[in-house]
Amino acid sequence: MQLRHYALVGFGAGRFAFLLFALFASYLGYHYLVVGACTFSIATALNYRWGVRHVFDSGARFQPRAEIAWIYLVSAIGLGVNQLALLAGIDWFGQNLLLTKLDASLISFSWNYAARAYFVFRPSQT
């Protein structure tokens, strides 16, 4: 059930980020890695806000400041994964920009969910 809720939250945030990515990278011609980093950051903020409201129990394991720090660390790793997938798909393999962005989003979604569910928001074992 939690994965389904996270998928809905992630789809909403990801859809918004994808539309911004398509606008700035594909239509306006900004460099895809710069746009990818910016839109990933926006999606992360939305995902966190909606995730603690609808999916995860904020404060289950960490105090608010520590929780946010862990979210940003997890997200920074997710951003690295996302950027590497974009770079590989577009520059190394010559794939379509928007299809590669979809693939990169699915890969980073998997990382973000696993890290959040099993580390950041998992209740501590006392």
C-alpha atoms as a PDB file:
ATOM      1  CA  MET A   1       0.000   0.000   0.000  1.00  0.00           C
ATOM      2  CA  GLN A   2       2.818   2.413   0.889  1.00  0.00           C
ATOM      3  CA  LEU A   3       4.542   1.838  -2.450  1.00  0.00           C
ATOM      4  CA  ARG A   4       1.289   2.583  -4.283  1.00  0.00           C
ATOM      5  CA  HIS A   5       0.832   5.850  -2.385  1.00  0.00           C
ATOM      6  CA  TYR A   6       4.461   6.789  -2.974  1.00  0.00           C
ATOM      7  CA  ALA A   7       4.030   6.010  -6.679  1.00  0.00           C
ATOM      8  CA  LEU A   8       1.088   8.418  -6.840  1.00  0.00           C
ATOM      9  CA  VAL A   9       3.044  11.113  -4.999  1.00  0.00           C
ATOM     10  CA  GLY A  10       6.118  10.439  -7.135  1.00  0.00           C
ATOM     11  CA  PHE A  11       4.058  10.479 -10.329  1.00  0.00           C
ATOM     12  CA  GLY A  12       2.611  13.884  -9.446  1.00  0.00           C
ATOM     13  CA  ALA A  13       5.972  15.417  -8.602  1.00  0.00           C
ATOM     14  CA  GLY A  14       7.657  13.638 -11.510  1.00  0.00           C
ATOM     15  CA  ARG A  15       5.023  14.740 -13.998  1.00  0.00           C
ATOM     16  CA  PHE A  16       5.482  18.364 -12.988  1.00  0.00           C
ATOM     17  CA  ALA A  17       9.281  18.030 -13.228  1.00  0.00           C
ATOM     18  CA  PHE A  18       9.037  16.225 -16.581  1.00  0.00           C
ATOM     19  CA  LEU A  19       6.887  18.989 -18.059  1.00  0.00           C
ATOM     20  CA  LEU A  20       9.387  21.600 -16.888  1.00  0.00           C
ATOM     21  CA  PHE A  21      12.225  19.474 -18.283  1.00  0.00           C
ATOM     22  CA  ALA A  22      10.467  19.169 -21.644  1.00  0.00           C
ATOM     23  CA  LEU A  23       9.847  22.920 -21.765  1.00  0.00           C
ATOM     24  CA  PHE A  24      13.346  24.055 -20.812  1.00  0.00           C
ATOM     25  CA  ALA A  25      15.524  21.303 -22.305  1.00  0.00           C
ATOM     26  CA  SER A  26      13.576  20.202 -25.353  1.00  0.00           C
ATOM     27  CA  TYR A  27      11.636  23.285 -26.384  1.00  0.00           C
ATOM     28  CA  LEU A  28      13.825  26.176 -25.164  1.00  0.00           C
ATOM     29  CA  GLY A  29      17.121  24.342 -25.691  1.00  0.00           C
ATOM     30  CA  TYR A  30      18.780  24.703 -22.292  1.00  0.00           C
ATOM     31  CA  HIS A  31      21.394  22.043 -21.505  1.00  0.00           C
ATOM     32  CA  TYR A  32      19.657  18.892 -20.331  1.00  0.00           C
ATOM     33  CA  LEU A  33      21.990  18.267 -17.355  1.00  0.00           C
ATOM     34  CA  VAL A  34      21.391  21.754 -15.922  1.00  0.00           C
ATOM     35  CA  VAL A  35      17.648  21.459 -16.454  1.00  0.00           C
ATOM     36  CA  GLY A  36      17.723  17.904 -15.101  1.00  0.00           C
ATOM     37  CA  ALA A  37      19.352  19.049 -11.859  1.00  0.00           C
ATOM     38  CA  CYS A  38      16.931  21.949 -11.413  1.00  0.00           C
ATOM     39  CA  THR A  39      13.787  19.962 -12.137  1.00  0.00           C
ATOM     40  CA  PHE A  40      14.992  17.048 -10.000  1.00  0.00           C
ATOM     41  CA  SER A  41      15.411  19.478  -7.094  1.00  0.00           C
ATOM     42  CA  ILE A  42      11.894  20.827  -7.573  1.00  0.00           C
ATOM     43  CA  ALA A  43      10.487  17.302  -7.745  1.00  0.00           C
ATOM     44  CA  THR A  44      12.378  16.358  -4.571  1.00  0.00           C
ATOM     45  CA  ALA A  45      10.866  19.251  -2.635  1.00  0.00           C
ATOM     46  CA  LEU A  46       7.356  18.403  -3.843  1.00  0.00           C
ATOM     47  CA  ASN A  47       7.905  14.710  -3.221  1.00  0.00           C
ATOM     48  CA  TYR A  48       9.066  15.324   0.353  1.00  0.00           C
ATOM     49  CA  ARG A  49       6.176  17.630   1.150  1.00  0.00           C
ATOM     50  CA  TRP A  50       3.550  15.335  -0.325  1.00  0.00           C
ATOM     51  CA  GLY A  51       5.299  12.202   0.947  1.00  0.00           C
ATOM     52  CA  VAL A  52       5.222  13.222   4.605  1.00  0.00           C
ATOM     53  CA  ARG A  53       1.624  14.303   4.190  1.00  0.00           C
ATOM     54  CA  HIS A  54       0.313  11.189   2.410  1.00  0.00           C
ATOM     55  CA  VAL A  55       2.838   8.341   2.612  1.00  0.00           C
ATOM     56  CA  PHE A  56       5.443   8.382   5.355  1.00  0.00           C
ATOM     57  CA  ASP A  57       5.345   9.115   9.065  1.00  0.00           C
ATOM     58  CA  SER A  58       7.597  12.140   9.441  1.00  0.00           C
ATOM     59  CA  GLY A  59       9.660  11.945  12.600  1.00  0.00           C
ATOM     60  CA  ALA A  60       9.384   8.162  12.814  1.00  0.00           C
ATOM     61  CA  ARG A  61      13.134   7.767  13.055  1.00  0.00           C
ATOM     62  CA  PHE A  62      14.791  11.190  13.086  1.00  0.00           C
ATOM     63  CA  GLN A  63      14.114  14.655  14.425  1.00  0.00           C
ATOM     64  CA  PRO A  64      12.910  17.106  11.725  1.00  0.00           C
ATOM     65  CA  ARG A  65      16.307  18.684  10.967  1.00  0.00           C
ATOM     66  CA  ALA A  66      18.059  15.331  10.753  1.00  0.00           C
ATOM     67  CA  GLU A  67      15.214  13.913   8.656  1.00  0.00           C
ATOM     68  CA  ILE A  68      15.501  16.731   6.133  1.00  0.00           C
ATOM     69  CA  ALA A  69      19.291  16.337   6.041  1.00  0.00           C
ATOM     70  CA  TRP A  70      18.896  12.623   5.301  1.00  0.00           C
ATOM     71  CA  ILE A  71      16.296  13.385   2.625  1.00  0.00           C
ATOM     72  CA  TYR A  72      18.732  15.747   0.931  1.00  0.00           C
ATOM     73  CA  LEU A  73      21.532  13.183   1.142  1.00  0.00           C
ATOM     74  CA  VAL A  74      19.298  10.464  -0.325  1.00  0.00           C
ATOM     75  CA  SER A  75      18.129  12.931  -2.966  1.00  0.00           C
ATOM     76  CA  ALA A  76      21.689  13.987  -3.829  1.00  0.00           C
ATOM     77  CA  ILE A  77      22.512  10.352  -4.535  1.00  0.00           C
ATOM     78  CA  GLY A  78      19.271  10.112  -6.542  1.00  0.00           C
ATOM     79  CA  LEU A  79      20.279  13.223  -8.474  1.00  0.00           C
ATOM     80  CA  GLY A  80      23.641  11.632  -9.272  1.00  0.00           C
ATOM     81  CA  VAL A  81      21.884   8.502 -10.509  1.00  0.00           C
ATOM     82  CA  ASN A  82      19.473  10.625 -12.551  1.00  0.00           C
ATOM     83  CA  GLN A  83      22.265  12.705 -14.104  1.00  0.00           C
ATOM     84  CA  LEU A  84      24.362   9.641 -14.922  1.00  0.00           C
ATOM     85  CA  ALA A  85      21.363   7.975 -16.589  1.00  0.00           C
ATOM     86  CA  LEU A  86      20.712  11.146 -18.635  1.00  0.00           C
ATOM     87  CA  LEU A  87      24.360  11.433 -19.646  1.00  0.00           C
ATOM     88  CA  ALA A  88      24.617   7.773 -20.587  1.00  0.00           C
ATOM     89  CA  GLY A  89      21.356   7.676 -22.499  1.00  0.00           C
ATOM     90  CA  ILE A  90      21.817  10.898 -24.417  1.00  0.00           C
ATOM     91  CA  ASP A  91      25.563  11.365 -24.915  1.00  0.00           C
ATOM     92  CA  TRP A  92      26.820   7.789 -24.862  1.00  0.00           C
ATOM     93  CA  PHE A  93      23.937   5.911 -26.493  1.00  0.00           C
ATOM     94  CA  GLY A  94      22.254   8.675 -28.517  1.00  0.00           C
ATOM     95  CA  GLN A  95      18.760   8.025 -27.167  1.00  0.00           C
ATOM     96  CA  ASN A  96      15.864  10.449 -27.385  1.00  0.00           C
ATOM     97  CA  LEU A  97      16.008  13.250 -24.794  1.00  0.00           C
ATOM     98  CA  LEU A  98      12.526  12.837 -23.346  1.00  0.00           C
ATOM     99  CA  LEU A  99      12.521   9.036 -23.384  1.00  0.00           C
ATOM    100  CA  THR A 100      15.856   9.063 -21.602  1.00  0.00           C
ATOM    101  CA  LYS A 101      14.423  11.466 -19.011  1.00  0.00           C
ATOM    102  CA  LEU A 102      11.567   9.019 -18.385  1.00  0.00           C
ATOM    103  CA  ASP A 103      14.034   6.156 -17.933  1.00  0.00           C
ATOM    104  CA  ALA A 104      16.231   8.248 -15.625  1.00  0.00           C
ATOM    105  CA  SER A 105      13.177   9.226 -13.567  1.00  0.00           C
ATOM    106  CA  LEU A 106      12.122   5.602 -13.111  1.00  0.00           C
ATOM    107  CA  ILE A 107      15.602   4.614 -11.992  1.00  0.00           C
ATOM    108  CA  SER A 108      15.908   7.467  -9.496  1.00  0.00           C
ATOM    109  CA  PHE A 109      12.311   6.858  -8.306  1.00  0.00           C
ATOM    110  CA  SER A 110      13.301   3.314  -7.343  1.00  0.00           C
ATOM    111  CA  TRP A 111      16.340   4.531  -5.411  1.00  0.00           C
ATOM    112  CA  ASN A 112      14.426   7.303  -3.655  1.00  0.00           C
ATOM    113  CA  TYR A 113      11.578   5.062  -2.552  1.00  0.00           C
ATOM    114  CA  ALA A 114      13.854   2.321  -1.255  1.00  0.00           C
ATOM    115  CA  ALA A 115      16.098   4.734   0.652  1.00  0.00           C
ATOM    116  CA  ARG A 116      13.188   6.654   2.155  1.00  0.00           C
ATOM    117  CA  ALA A 117      11.092   3.623   3.065  1.00  0.00           C
ATOM    118  CA  TYR A 118      13.887   1.507   4.487  1.00  0.00           C
ATOM    119  CA  PHE A 119      16.103   4.122   6.045  1.00  0.00           C
ATOM    120  CA  VAL A 120      14.773   7.644   6.473  1.00  0.00           C
ATOM    121  CA  PHE A 121      11.164   6.963   7.487  1.00  0.00           C
ATOM    122  CA  ARG A 122      11.478   3.449   8.914  1.00  0.00           C
ATOM    123  CA  PRO A 123      10.680   3.508  12.617  1.00  0.00           C
ATOM    124  CA  SER A 124      13.754   2.987  14.769  1.00  0.00           C
ATOM    125  CA  GLN A 125      14.098  -0.341  16.537  1.00  0.00           C
ATOM    126  CA  THR A 126      14.074   0.418  20.253  1.00  0.00           C
END
